[in-house]
Amino acid sequence: MSPFTLTPRSYSLRPASGQTALAVTFVIGGIIVLFGTMLAFLTLSFLNSTRGFQAASRAAAVARGGVDDAMLQLLRNKDFSSSGYCVPYESVPCPSGYAQVAVTQGSPSAGQVTVVSQAAVSGYRRKFQAVFVVNASSSLVRMVSTQQVPL
């Protein structure tokens, strides 16, 4: 045999096992990344909706507190009227987390007082309207109706 003679070798056409393991690793890794991204998105979505619900509930509570404060003002002074004041007390326009309250005497009829309270917390706004009957002789104040008014 001469030194330049090549011996025939047999080659397999099936892929090596390392290539298969690499492909399986990429597929499993992609699924894990997809699942993690989906879980993070759902968590953030849930947290944002919860935060919005809390802010809307706070705005409703603050607006309702404005109606209660107006009732206290009427108990102290049956002739109390205001075009707008803040609860807790601050200069108008009211900052976020405060209620702006307007008290109108003689509305909707004589002897009645209409109170409109509007509050905003983190961009969520709520508005309540209440009607009180004020007895001029006894200074008795009674709430006739209260409702949340759409903005």
N, C-alpha and C. Protein backbone atom coordinates (compact mmCIF):
# COMPACT_ATOMS: atom_id res chain seq x y z
N MET A 1 0.84 -1.15 0.00
CA MET A 1 0.00 0.00 0.00
C MET A 1 0.89 1.23 0.00
N SER A 2 0.45 2.17 -0.75
CA SER A 2 1.28 3.36 -0.86
C SER A 2 0.85 4.36 0.22
N PRO A 3 1.76 5.22 0.57
CA PRO A 3 1.41 6.19 1.62
C PRO A 3 0.33 7.18 1.18
N PHE A 4 0.05 7.23 -0.08
CA PHE A 4 -0.96 8.19 -0.56
C PHE A 4 -2.34 7.56 -0.75
N THR A 5 -2.54 6.39 -0.34
CA THR A 5 -3.83 5.74 -0.51
C THR A 5 -4.70 6.08 0.70
N LEU A 6 -5.92 6.44 0.41
CA LEU A 6 -6.87 6.78 1.48
C LEU A 6 -7.76 5.58 1.75
N THR A 7 -8.00 5.37 2.99
CA THR A 7 -8.90 4.28 3.35
C THR A 7 -10.32 4.83 3.40
N PRO A 8 -11.24 4.12 2.87
CA PRO A 8 -12.63 4.63 2.88
C PRO A 8 -13.20 4.64 4.30
N ARG A 9 -13.93 5.72 4.58
CA ARG A 9 -14.61 5.83 5.88
C ARG A 9 -16.10 5.89 5.64
N SER A 10 -16.87 5.41 6.60
CA SER A 10 -18.33 5.49 6.47
C SER A 10 -18.83 6.67 7.30
N TYR A 11 -19.76 7.41 6.71
CA TYR A 11 -20.34 8.59 7.39
C TYR A 11 -21.83 8.34 7.61
N SER A 12 -22.31 8.79 8.78
CA SER A 12 -23.74 8.64 9.09
C SER A 12 -24.47 9.93 8.71
N LEU A 13 -25.66 9.82 8.15
CA LEU A 13 -26.44 10.98 7.77
C LEU A 13 -27.39 11.43 8.89
N ARG A 14 -27.44 10.76 10.02
CA ARG A 14 -28.30 11.19 11.12
C ARG A 14 -27.57 12.27 11.94
N PRO A 15 -28.35 13.26 12.47
CA PRO A 15 -27.71 14.35 13.20
C PRO A 15 -27.09 13.86 14.50
N ALA A 16 -26.15 14.61 14.95
CA ALA A 16 -25.48 14.25 16.20
C ALA A 16 -26.41 14.52 17.37
N SER A 17 -26.22 13.84 18.47
CA SER A 17 -27.11 13.99 19.62
C SER A 17 -26.96 15.36 20.28
N GLY A 18 -25.85 16.02 20.15
CA GLY A 18 -25.65 17.36 20.71
C GLY A 18 -26.53 18.39 20.03
N GLN A 19 -26.75 18.26 18.74
CA GLN A 19 -27.61 19.20 18.02
C GLN A 19 -29.06 19.05 18.47
N THR A 20 -29.49 17.86 18.72
CA THR A 20 -30.85 17.62 19.19
C THR A 20 -31.05 18.23 20.58
N ALA A 21 -30.09 18.04 21.44
CA ALA A 21 -30.19 18.59 22.80
C ALA A 21 -30.24 20.12 22.77
N LEU A 22 -29.47 20.73 21.87
CA LEU A 22 -29.47 22.19 21.75
C LEU A 22 -30.84 22.69 21.28
N ALA A 23 -31.44 22.04 20.33
CA ALA A 23 -32.76 22.45 19.82
C ALA A 23 -33.82 22.30 20.91
N VAL A 24 -33.78 21.21 21.64
CA VAL A 24 -34.75 20.99 22.72
C VAL A 24 -34.56 22.03 23.82
N THR A 25 -33.33 22.38 24.12
CA THR A 25 -33.04 23.41 25.13
C THR A 25 -33.62 24.75 24.70
N PHE A 26 -33.48 25.12 23.42
CA PHE A 26 -34.03 26.38 22.93
C PHE A 26 -35.56 26.39 23.00
N VAL A 27 -36.19 25.29 22.66
CA VAL A 27 -37.65 25.23 22.71
C VAL A 27 -38.15 25.35 24.14
N ILE A 28 -37.55 24.60 25.06
CA ILE A 28 -37.97 24.66 26.47
C ILE A 28 -37.68 26.05 27.04
N GLY A 29 -36.53 26.63 26.73
CA GLY A 29 -36.21 27.98 27.20
C GLY A 29 -37.18 29.01 26.67
N GLY A 30 -37.57 28.89 25.42
CA GLY A 30 -38.56 29.81 24.84
C GLY A 30 -39.90 29.72 25.53
N ILE A 31 -40.31 28.51 25.85
CA ILE A 31 -41.58 28.32 26.56
C ILE A 31 -41.52 28.94 27.94
N ILE A 32 -40.40 28.78 28.64
CA ILE A 32 -40.23 29.36 29.98
C ILE A 32 -40.25 30.88 29.91
N VAL A 33 -39.56 31.47 28.93
CA VAL A 33 -39.56 32.92 28.77
C VAL A 33 -40.97 33.43 28.45
N LEU A 34 -41.68 32.74 27.57
CA LEU A 34 -43.04 33.12 27.23
C LEU A 34 -43.95 33.06 28.45
N PHE A 35 -43.85 32.01 29.23
CA PHE A 35 -44.67 31.88 30.43
C PHE A 35 -44.33 32.97 31.45
N GLY A 36 -43.05 33.26 31.64
CA GLY A 36 -42.64 34.32 32.57
C GLY A 36 -43.14 35.68 32.14
N THR A 37 -43.06 35.98 30.85
CA THR A 37 -43.56 37.25 30.33
C THR A 37 -45.07 37.37 30.53
N MET A 38 -45.78 36.31 30.28
CA MET A 38 -47.23 36.31 30.46
C MET A 38 -47.59 36.51 31.94
N LEU A 39 -46.89 35.86 32.83
CA LEU A 39 -47.13 35.99 34.26
C LEU A 39 -46.84 37.41 34.73
N ALA A 40 -45.76 38.01 34.25
CA ALA A 40 -45.44 39.39 34.62
C ALA A 40 -46.51 40.36 34.11
N PHE A 41 -46.98 40.17 32.90
CA PHE A 41 -48.03 41.03 32.34
C PHE A 41 -49.32 40.91 33.16
N LEU A 42 -49.72 39.71 33.51
CA LEU A 42 -50.94 39.52 34.30
C LEU A 42 -50.81 40.14 35.68
N THR A 43 -49.64 40.02 36.29
CA THR A 43 -49.42 40.61 37.61
C THR A 43 -49.51 42.13 37.55
N LEU A 44 -48.87 42.74 36.57
CA LEU A 44 -48.94 44.20 36.43
C LEU A 44 -50.36 44.66 36.13
N SER A 45 -51.06 43.93 35.32
CA SER A 45 -52.44 44.28 35.00
C SER A 45 -53.32 44.21 36.24
N PHE A 46 -53.15 43.19 37.04
CA PHE A 46 -53.93 43.04 38.27
C PHE A 46 -53.62 44.16 39.24
N LEU A 47 -52.33 44.50 39.40
CA LEU A 47 -51.95 45.57 40.33
C LEU A 47 -52.51 46.92 39.88
N ASN A 48 -52.48 47.20 38.58
CA ASN A 48 -53.02 48.47 38.09
C ASN A 48 -54.53 48.55 38.29
N SER A 49 -55.24 47.46 38.07
CA SER A 49 -56.69 47.50 38.26
C SER A 49 -57.03 47.65 39.74
N THR A 50 -56.26 47.03 40.61
CA THR A 50 -56.48 47.16 42.05
C THR A 50 -56.22 48.59 42.50
N ARG A 51 -55.15 49.19 42.01
CA ARG A 51 -54.82 50.57 42.38
C ARG A 51 -55.91 51.53 41.90
N GLY A 52 -56.45 51.30 40.72
CA GLY A 52 -57.53 52.13 40.20
C GLY A 52 -58.79 52.00 41.03
N PHE A 53 -59.12 50.78 41.43
CA PHE A 53 -60.30 50.56 42.26
C PHE A 53 -60.15 51.27 43.60
N GLN A 54 -58.96 51.20 44.20
CA GLN A 54 -58.72 51.87 45.47
C GLN A 54 -58.85 53.38 45.33
N ALA A 55 -58.30 53.94 44.26
CA ALA A 55 -58.39 55.39 44.06
C ALA A 55 -59.84 55.82 43.84
N ALA A 56 -60.61 55.06 43.09
CA ALA A 56 -62.02 55.38 42.87
C ALA A 56 -62.81 55.29 44.18
N SER A 57 -62.51 54.30 45.00
CA SER A 57 -63.19 54.16 46.29
C SER A 57 -62.83 55.31 47.22
N ARG A 58 -61.56 55.72 47.21
CA ARG A 58 -61.16 56.88 48.03
C ARG A 58 -61.85 58.15 47.56
N ALA A 59 -61.95 58.34 46.26
CA ALA A 59 -62.63 59.53 45.74
C ALA A 59 -64.09 59.55 46.17
N ALA A 60 -64.75 58.40 46.14
CA ALA A 60 -66.14 58.33 46.59
C ALA A 60 -66.26 58.62 48.08
N ALA A 61 -65.33 58.10 48.87
CA ALA A 61 -65.36 58.34 50.32
C ALA A 61 -65.11 59.82 50.64
N VAL A 62 -64.18 60.44 49.93
CA VAL A 62 -63.89 61.86 50.17
C VAL A 62 -65.09 62.72 49.76
N ALA A 63 -65.72 62.40 48.63
CA ALA A 63 -66.89 63.16 48.19
C ALA A 63 -68.04 62.98 49.19
N ARG A 64 -68.22 61.78 49.67
CA ARG A 64 -69.26 61.54 50.68
C ARG A 64 -68.94 62.29 51.97
N GLY A 65 -67.66 62.38 52.31
CA GLY A 65 -67.24 63.17 53.48
C GLY A 65 -67.55 64.65 53.31
N GLY A 66 -67.49 65.14 52.07
CA GLY A 66 -67.87 66.53 51.81
C GLY A 66 -69.34 66.77 52.09
N VAL A 67 -70.19 65.81 51.74
CA VAL A 67 -71.63 65.92 52.04
C VAL A 67 -71.84 65.92 53.55
N ASP A 68 -71.13 65.06 54.26
CA ASP A 68 -71.25 65.00 55.72
C ASP A 68 -70.78 66.31 56.36
N ASP A 69 -69.70 66.89 55.84
CA ASP A 69 -69.22 68.16 56.38
C ASP A 69 -70.23 69.27 56.15
N ALA A 70 -70.86 69.28 54.98
CA ALA A 70 -71.88 70.29 54.71
C ALA A 70 -73.06 70.14 55.67
N MET A 71 -73.41 68.89 56.01
CA MET A 71 -74.49 68.68 56.97
C MET A 71 -74.10 69.26 58.33
N LEU A 72 -72.85 69.07 58.75
CA LEU A 72 -72.39 69.64 60.02
C LEU A 72 -72.44 71.17 59.96
N GLN A 73 -72.04 71.74 58.83
CA GLN A 73 -72.11 73.20 58.69
C GLN A 73 -73.55 73.68 58.80
N LEU A 74 -74.49 72.94 58.22
CA LEU A 74 -75.90 73.32 58.31
C LEU A 74 -76.45 73.16 59.72
N LEU A 75 -75.98 72.16 60.45
CA LEU A 75 -76.40 71.99 61.84
C LEU A 75 -75.94 73.17 62.69
N ARG A 76 -74.76 73.69 62.42
CA ARG A 76 -74.23 74.84 63.16
C ARG A 76 -74.90 76.14 62.75
N ASN A 77 -75.22 76.26 61.46
CA ASN A 77 -75.79 77.50 60.94
C ASN A 77 -76.78 77.11 59.83
N LYS A 78 -78.07 77.21 60.11
CA LYS A 78 -79.08 76.78 59.15
C LYS A 78 -79.08 77.61 57.89
N ASP A 79 -78.49 78.80 57.91
CA ASP A 79 -78.43 79.67 56.73
C ASP A 79 -77.11 79.54 55.97
N PHE A 80 -76.33 78.52 56.30
CA PHE A 80 -75.01 78.36 55.66
C PHE A 80 -75.17 78.16 54.16
N SER A 81 -74.37 78.87 53.39
CA SER A 81 -74.36 78.74 51.93
C SER A 81 -72.95 79.00 51.45
N SER A 82 -72.55 78.29 50.42
CA SER A 82 -71.21 78.48 49.88
C SER A 82 -71.19 78.10 48.42
N SER A 83 -70.45 78.87 47.64
CA SER A 83 -70.31 78.54 46.22
C SER A 83 -69.26 77.46 46.01
N GLY A 84 -68.45 77.21 47.02
CA GLY A 84 -67.45 76.15 46.92
C GLY A 84 -66.37 76.29 47.97
N TYR A 85 -66.16 75.25 48.74
CA TYR A 85 -65.07 75.21 49.71
C TYR A 85 -64.49 73.81 49.72
N CYS A 86 -63.28 73.68 50.23
CA CYS A 86 -62.58 72.39 50.23
C CYS A 86 -62.73 71.69 51.57
N VAL A 87 -62.79 70.39 51.52
CA VAL A 87 -62.77 69.55 52.72
C VAL A 87 -61.66 68.53 52.53
N PRO A 88 -60.70 68.40 53.40
CA PRO A 88 -60.32 69.28 54.49
C PRO A 88 -60.00 70.67 53.95
N TYR A 89 -60.05 71.63 54.82
CA TYR A 89 -60.03 73.03 54.41
C TYR A 89 -58.72 73.42 53.74
N GLU A 90 -58.86 73.96 52.58
CA GLU A 90 -57.74 74.37 51.71
C GLU A 90 -58.30 75.43 50.78
N SER A 91 -57.44 76.12 50.10
CA SER A 91 -57.93 77.13 49.16
C SER A 91 -58.46 76.45 47.89
N VAL A 92 -59.41 77.09 47.25
CA VAL A 92 -60.02 76.56 46.02
C VAL A 92 -59.13 77.01 44.86
N PRO A 93 -58.79 76.24 43.85
CA PRO A 93 -59.26 74.88 43.58
C PRO A 93 -58.61 73.86 44.51
N CYS A 94 -59.36 72.85 44.80
CA CYS A 94 -58.91 71.84 45.75
C CYS A 94 -57.87 70.92 45.11
N PRO A 95 -56.84 70.56 45.87
CA PRO A 95 -55.87 69.58 45.35
C PRO A 95 -56.45 68.17 45.33
N SER A 96 -55.71 67.25 44.76
CA SER A 96 -56.14 65.86 44.70
C SER A 96 -56.29 65.30 46.11
N GLY A 97 -57.35 64.54 46.34
CA GLY A 97 -57.59 63.96 47.65
C GLY A 97 -58.47 64.83 48.52
N TYR A 98 -58.96 65.95 48.00
CA TYR A 98 -59.85 66.85 48.73
C TYR A 98 -61.19 66.89 48.01
N ALA A 99 -62.23 67.26 48.74
CA ALA A 99 -63.55 67.40 48.15
C ALA A 99 -63.88 68.89 48.01
N GLN A 100 -64.48 69.24 46.90
CA GLN A 100 -64.98 70.60 46.72
C GLN A 100 -66.49 70.54 46.91
N VAL A 101 -66.99 71.33 47.86
CA VAL A 101 -68.38 71.26 48.28
C VAL A 101 -69.07 72.58 47.98
N ALA A 102 -70.24 72.51 47.38
CA ALA A 102 -71.07 73.70 47.12
C ALA A 102 -72.40 73.50 47.82
N VAL A 103 -72.84 74.52 48.57
CA VAL A 103 -74.09 74.46 49.32
C VAL A 103 -75.00 75.57 48.78
N THR A 104 -76.20 75.19 48.33
CA THR A 104 -77.14 76.15 47.75
C THR A 104 -78.43 76.13 48.57
N GLN A 105 -78.77 77.29 49.18
CA GLN A 105 -80.01 77.43 49.95
C GLN A 105 -81.20 77.61 48.99
N GLY A 106 -82.36 77.10 49.38
CA GLY A 106 -83.58 77.28 48.62
C GLY A 106 -83.63 76.51 47.33
N SER A 107 -82.87 75.45 47.25
CA SER A 107 -82.85 74.65 46.03
C SER A 107 -83.08 73.20 46.43
N PRO A 108 -83.95 72.46 45.85
CA PRO A 108 -84.82 72.72 44.72
C PRO A 108 -86.07 73.52 45.07
N SER A 109 -86.39 73.68 46.37
CA SER A 109 -87.54 74.50 46.74
C SER A 109 -87.22 75.20 48.05
N ALA A 110 -88.10 76.10 48.46
CA ALA A 110 -87.88 76.84 49.70
C ALA A 110 -87.83 75.88 50.88
N GLY A 111 -86.91 76.14 51.80
CA GLY A 111 -86.75 75.29 52.98
C GLY A 111 -85.87 74.08 52.73
N GLN A 112 -85.36 73.95 51.53
CA GLN A 112 -84.47 72.84 51.21
C GLN A 112 -83.09 73.37 50.82
N VAL A 113 -82.10 72.56 51.04
CA VAL A 113 -80.72 72.90 50.73
C VAL A 113 -80.13 71.79 49.87
N THR A 114 -79.47 72.17 48.77
CA THR A 114 -78.80 71.20 47.91
C THR A 114 -77.30 71.29 48.14
N VAL A 115 -76.69 70.16 48.36
CA VAL A 115 -75.24 70.06 48.56
C VAL A 115 -74.68 69.22 47.43
N VAL A 116 -73.65 69.75 46.76
CA VAL A 116 -72.95 69.01 45.71
C VAL A 116 -71.49 68.91 46.13
N SER A 117 -71.00 67.69 46.23
CA SER A 117 -69.61 67.45 46.64
C SER A 117 -68.91 66.64 45.56
N GLN A 118 -67.76 67.13 45.14
CA GLN A 118 -67.00 66.46 44.08
C GLN A 118 -65.57 66.28 44.56
N ALA A 119 -65.02 65.09 44.34
CA ALA A 119 -63.66 64.77 44.76
C ALA A 119 -62.91 64.06 43.65
N ALA A 120 -61.59 64.24 43.66
CA ALA A 120 -60.71 63.56 42.69
C ALA A 120 -59.51 62.99 43.44
N VAL A 121 -59.22 61.72 43.16
CA VAL A 121 -58.05 61.06 43.72
C VAL A 121 -57.35 60.33 42.59
N SER A 122 -56.13 60.73 42.29
CA SER A 122 -55.32 60.09 41.24
C SER A 122 -56.05 59.99 39.91
N GLY A 123 -56.77 61.03 39.56
CA GLY A 123 -57.46 61.05 38.28
C GLY A 123 -58.84 60.43 38.28
N TYR A 124 -59.24 59.78 39.35
CA TYR A 124 -60.58 59.20 39.47
C TYR A 124 -61.47 60.20 40.19
N ARG A 125 -62.57 60.58 39.56
CA ARG A 125 -63.45 61.60 40.12
C ARG A 125 -64.80 61.00 40.48
N ARG A 126 -65.35 61.48 41.59
CA ARG A 126 -66.69 61.07 42.04
C ARG A 126 -67.43 62.31 42.50
N LYS A 127 -68.74 62.29 42.31
CA LYS A 127 -69.58 63.44 42.65
C LYS A 127 -70.85 62.94 43.33
N PHE A 128 -71.19 63.56 44.47
CA PHE A 128 -72.39 63.23 45.21
C PHE A 128 -73.25 64.48 45.35
N GLN A 129 -74.55 64.26 45.32
CA GLN A 129 -75.51 65.35 45.52
C GLN A 129 -76.48 64.91 46.61
N ALA A 130 -76.74 65.82 47.56
CA ALA A 130 -77.67 65.53 48.65
C ALA A 130 -78.62 66.71 48.80
N VAL A 131 -79.85 66.40 49.21
CA VAL A 131 -80.85 67.42 49.47
C VAL A 131 -81.25 67.30 50.94
N PHE A 132 -81.21 68.44 51.64
CA PHE A 132 -81.57 68.50 53.06
C PHE A 132 -82.80 69.38 53.22
N VAL A 133 -83.61 69.05 54.21
CA VAL A 133 -84.72 69.92 54.61
C VAL A 133 -84.31 70.57 55.92
N VAL A 134 -84.40 71.91 55.95
CA VAL A 134 -84.02 72.67 57.14
C VAL A 134 -85.28 73.33 57.69
N ASN A 135 -85.62 72.98 58.93
CA ASN A 135 -86.76 73.60 59.60
C ASN A 135 -86.28 74.93 60.17
N ALA A 136 -86.86 76.02 59.69
CA ALA A 136 -86.40 77.36 60.08
C ALA A 136 -86.65 77.65 61.56
N SER A 137 -87.73 77.13 62.11
CA SER A 137 -88.05 77.46 63.51
C SER A 137 -87.23 76.63 64.50
N SER A 138 -87.03 75.35 64.22
CA SER A 138 -86.31 74.50 65.17
C SER A 138 -84.86 74.23 64.77
N SER A 139 -84.45 74.68 63.59
CA SER A 139 -83.11 74.44 63.06
C SER A 139 -82.80 72.96 62.90
N LEU A 140 -83.83 72.16 62.73
CA LEU A 140 -83.66 70.73 62.53
C LEU A 140 -83.25 70.49 61.07
N VAL A 141 -82.20 69.71 60.88
CA VAL A 141 -81.70 69.40 59.53
C VAL A 141 -81.91 67.91 59.29
N ARG A 142 -82.57 67.59 58.17
CA ARG A 142 -82.85 66.19 57.84
C ARG A 142 -82.48 65.95 56.38
N MET A 143 -81.76 64.86 56.14
CA MET A 143 -81.37 64.52 54.77
C MET A 143 -82.56 63.84 54.09
N VAL A 144 -82.94 64.39 52.94
CA VAL A 144 -84.05 63.84 52.18
C VAL A 144 -83.55 62.81 51.17
N SER A 145 -82.49 63.16 50.45
CA SER A 145 -81.96 62.22 49.46
C SER A 145 -80.47 62.46 49.27
N THR A 146 -79.82 61.42 48.87
CA THR A 146 -78.41 61.50 48.49
C THR A 146 -78.19 60.51 47.36
N GLN A 147 -77.37 60.93 46.41
CA GLN A 147 -77.09 60.06 45.27
C GLN A 147 -75.76 60.41 44.66
N GLN A 148 -75.17 59.41 44.03
CA GLN A 148 -73.95 59.65 43.27
C GLN A 148 -74.36 60.11 41.88
N VAL A 149 -73.80 61.24 41.46
CA VAL A 149 -74.16 61.85 40.19
C VAL A 149 -73.09 61.48 39.17
N PRO A 150 -73.49 61.03 37.98
CA PRO A 150 -72.48 60.75 36.96
C PRO A 150 -71.81 62.03 36.50
N LEU A 151 -70.53 61.93 36.21
CA LEU A 151 -69.77 63.10 35.75
C LEU A 151 -69.81 63.21 34.25
